[in-house]
C-alpha cells in the first residue's frame, strides 16, 4: 500500500510540475523567469494571492525542515555523554532544544536578510540543507549504525556524494 501511495504522489507531483512549467513557458516564452510570479503585474490581486500562498508555504515548511534536521544532527553530531546528560532532565532538554532552535532561527534569518533574489536563496537552501538532509546526515547515521565494512563504505560514499553535490550546487548558485 505504501508503495502505491509513494508512486501516486510522485506521479501527481511530477505531472503538476511539468504542467505548471509548460503553462509558464507557453505564457511568457523565452521571457520565462525562475519565479513565475515575478513575470506578472505586481498590482494583480491574483498574483498577490499567489505570493501570499507561497509565503505561507515557506513559513509552514520551516518546522518540517528544522525539526528533522535538529534531531538528525543531534543523533549524529552530539557525543553520547552529552545526549545522555540532556535526556536525564526534562527541564535541561527543553532548555537545550530552545537554545538550539534559537541559534538555528538566528542563522536562517541572518542568511535570508542577505538576499534579494528568492531563486538564489532557494538554490542555496537546496544545495546545503537539501543535500545535508538527503545524503550527508543519513550517511553519517549509516556509518554510526553499520554492522559491516561494506555498509560503512557505502555510507561514507553517500556522505562524500552529498558533500560534493552540496559544494557544487552552492558554487553554481553564485556562478550562474
Protein backbone atom coordinates (compact mmCIF):
# COMPACT_ATOMS: atom_id res chain seq x y z
CA UNK A 1 0.00 0.00 0.00
CA UNK A 2 2.80 2.44 0.85
CA UNK A 3 4.42 1.76 -2.50
CA UNK A 4 1.19 2.67 -4.32
CA UNK A 5 0.91 5.89 -2.31
CA UNK A 6 4.53 6.87 -2.95
CA UNK A 7 4.30 6.20 -6.68
CA UNK A 8 0.95 8.01 -6.94
CA UNK A 9 2.19 11.08 -5.08
CA UNK A 10 5.40 11.26 -7.13
CA UNK A 11 3.41 10.84 -10.34
CA UNK A 12 0.97 13.57 -9.33
CA UNK A 13 3.73 15.97 -8.26
CA UNK A 14 5.76 15.40 -11.42
CA UNK A 15 2.66 15.92 -13.54
CA UNK A 16 1.87 19.18 -11.73
CA UNK A 17 5.46 20.44 -12.04
CA UNK A 18 5.54 19.68 -15.76
CA UNK A 19 2.08 21.21 -16.29
CA UNK A 20 2.92 24.46 -14.49
CA UNK A 21 6.32 24.70 -16.18
CA UNK A 22 4.72 24.20 -19.57
CA UNK A 23 1.98 26.76 -18.87
CA UNK A 24 4.57 29.27 -17.67
CA UNK A 25 6.65 28.79 -20.79
CA UNK A 26 3.62 28.95 -23.08
CA UNK A 27 2.53 32.19 -21.39
CA UNK A 28 5.88 34.01 -21.35
CA UNK A 29 8.00 32.18 -23.93
CA UNK A 30 11.73 32.84 -23.68
CA UNK A 31 11.00 35.61 -21.14
CA UNK A 32 10.12 33.00 -18.51
CA UNK A 33 11.86 33.80 -15.21
CA UNK A 34 12.84 31.49 -12.35
CA UNK A 35 9.93 32.62 -10.15
CA UNK A 36 6.83 32.70 -12.34
CA UNK A 37 5.10 35.18 -10.04
CA UNK A 38 7.74 37.81 -10.93
CA UNK A 39 6.51 37.81 -14.51
CA UNK A 40 3.02 39.03 -13.61
CA UNK A 41 1.96 42.56 -12.75
CA UNK A 42 2.57 43.38 -9.06
CA UNK A 43 -0.82 45.10 -8.84
CA UNK A 44 -2.69 41.96 -9.92
CA UNK A 45 -4.76 40.69 -7.00
CA UNK A 46 -4.45 37.04 -8.11
CA UNK A 47 -0.68 37.36 -8.25
CA UNK A 48 -0.73 38.85 -4.75
CA UNK A 49 -2.79 35.88 -3.54
CA UNK A 50 -0.24 33.54 -5.12
CA UNK A 51 2.63 35.38 -3.43
CA UNK A 52 0.87 35.22 -0.06
CA UNK A 53 0.30 31.48 -0.55
CA UNK A 54 3.96 30.90 -1.36
CA UNK A 55 4.98 32.91 1.72
CA UNK A 56 2.62 30.79 3.85
CA UNK A 57 4.06 27.57 2.40
CA UNK A 58 7.59 28.78 3.19
CA UNK A 59 6.61 29.70 6.74
CA UNK A 60 4.87 26.39 7.40
CA UNK A 61 7.66 24.43 5.72
CA UNK A 62 10.31 25.73 8.13
CA UNK A 63 9.41 23.38 11.02
CA UNK A 64 9.27 20.45 8.58
CA UNK A 65 12.89 21.15 7.66
CA UNK A 66 14.19 22.38 11.02
CA UNK A 67 12.91 19.68 13.38
CA UNK A 68 14.16 16.59 11.49
CA UNK A 69 17.42 18.42 10.79
CA UNK A 70 17.84 19.14 14.51
CA UNK A 71 17.01 15.57 15.54
CA UNK A 72 19.31 14.01 12.96
CA UNK A 73 22.08 16.50 13.73
CA UNK A 74 21.83 15.69 17.43
CA UNK A 75 21.90 11.93 16.78
CA UNK A 76 24.95 12.19 14.55
CA UNK A 77 26.98 15.14 15.84
CA UNK A 78 26.48 15.23 19.60
CA UNK A 79 28.57 12.90 21.76
CA UNK A 80 26.65 10.18 23.61
CA UNK A 81 27.58 11.51 27.05
CA UNK A 82 26.02 14.88 26.15
CA UNK A 83 22.87 13.23 24.77
CA UNK A 84 22.52 11.22 27.99
CA UNK A 85 23.15 14.37 30.03
CA UNK A 86 20.34 16.18 28.22
CA UNK A 87 17.93 13.22 28.33
CA UNK A 88 18.33 12.88 32.08
CA UNK A 89 16.48 16.08 32.92
CA UNK A 90 13.31 17.30 31.20
CA UNK A 91 14.00 20.95 32.01
CA UNK A 92 17.57 20.68 30.73
CA UNK A 93 16.35 19.05 27.49
CA UNK A 94 13.74 21.79 26.95
CA UNK A 95 16.39 24.47 27.51
CA UNK A 96 18.76 22.74 25.08
CA UNK A 97 16.06 22.41 22.38
CA UNK A 98 15.03 26.06 22.79
CA UNK A 99 18.67 27.23 22.62
CA UNK A 100 19.43 25.05 19.62
CA UNK A 101 16.33 26.17 17.70
CA UNK A 102 17.00 29.81 18.65
CA UNK A 103 20.50 29.58 17.19
CA UNK A 104 19.16 27.86 14.07
CA UNK A 105 16.49 30.56 13.60
CA UNK A 106 19.04 33.37 14.04
CA UNK A 107 21.32 31.75 11.45
CA UNK A 108 18.43 31.30 8.99
CA UNK A 109 17.15 34.87 9.43
CA UNK A 110 20.70 36.25 9.09
CA UNK A 111 21.16 34.41 5.81
CA UNK A 112 17.72 35.34 4.46
CA UNK A 113 18.25 39.04 5.12
CA UNK A 114 21.36 38.99 2.91
CA UNK A 115 19.48 38.00 -0.27
CA UNK A 116 17.13 39.91 -2.56
CA UNK A 117 16.67 37.04 -5.00
CA UNK A 118 14.35 34.25 -3.86
CA UNK A 119 15.60 31.90 -6.59
CA UNK A 120 19.20 32.18 -5.43
CA UNK A 121 18.14 31.72 -1.82
CA UNK A 122 16.13 28.59 -2.63
CA UNK A 123 19.06 27.26 -4.67
CA UNK A 124 21.39 27.73 -1.71
CA UNK A 125 18.82 26.13 0.59
CA UNK A 126 18.55 23.11 -1.68
CA UNK A 127 22.31 22.83 -2.13
CA UNK A 128 23.05 22.99 1.59
CA UNK A 129 20.13 21.80 3.68
CA UNK A 130 18.70 19.58 0.95
CA UNK A 131 21.90 17.62 0.43
CA UNK A 132 22.55 17.60 4.17
CA UNK A 133 19.14 16.05 4.88
CA UNK A 134 19.18 13.73 1.87
CA UNK A 135 22.75 12.45 1.81
CA UNK A 136 25.17 13.69 4.46
CA UNK A 137 23.29 13.14 7.71
CA UNK A 138 21.72 9.79 6.67
CA UNK A 139 25.16 8.66 5.50
CA UNK A 140 26.70 9.66 8.83
CA UNK A 141 23.88 7.86 10.59
CA UNK A 142 24.59 4.82 8.42
CA UNK A 143 28.27 4.93 9.37
CA UNK A 144 27.34 5.07 13.01
CA UNK A 145 24.89 2.15 12.75
CA UNK A 146 26.76 0.00 10.22
CA UNK A 147 27.44 -3.61 11.08
CA UNK A 148 29.76 -4.44 8.20
CA UNK A 149 32.61 -2.85 6.32
CA UNK A 150 30.51 -2.73 3.15
CA UNK A 151 27.79 -0.69 4.90
CA UNK A 152 30.44 1.67 6.28
CA UNK A 153 32.00 2.18 2.83
CA UNK A 154 28.63 2.74 1.14
CA UNK A 155 27.56 5.18 3.85
CA UNK A 156 30.88 7.01 3.51
CA UNK A 157 30.36 7.27 -0.25
CA UNK A 158 26.90 8.66 0.41
CA UNK A 159 28.39 11.34 2.66
CA UNK A 160 31.07 12.13 0.08
CA UNK A 161 28.47 12.40 -2.69
CA UNK A 162 26.36 14.72 -0.52
CA UNK A 163 29.30 16.98 0.29
CA UNK A 164 30.45 17.16 -3.34
CA UNK A 165 26.89 17.78 -4.58
CA UNK A 166 26.29 20.43 -1.92
CA UNK A 167 29.50 22.29 -2.71
CA UNK A 168 28.86 22.08 -6.47
CA UNK A 169 25.29 23.35 -6.04
CA UNK A 170 26.39 26.13 -3.70
CA UNK A 171 29.08 27.29 -6.14
CA UNK A 172 26.63 27.06 -9.06
CA UNK A 173 24.26 29.41 -7.23
CA UNK A 174 26.88 32.16 -7.33
CA UNK A 175 28.38 31.42 -10.74
CA UNK A 176 25.14 31.22 -12.70
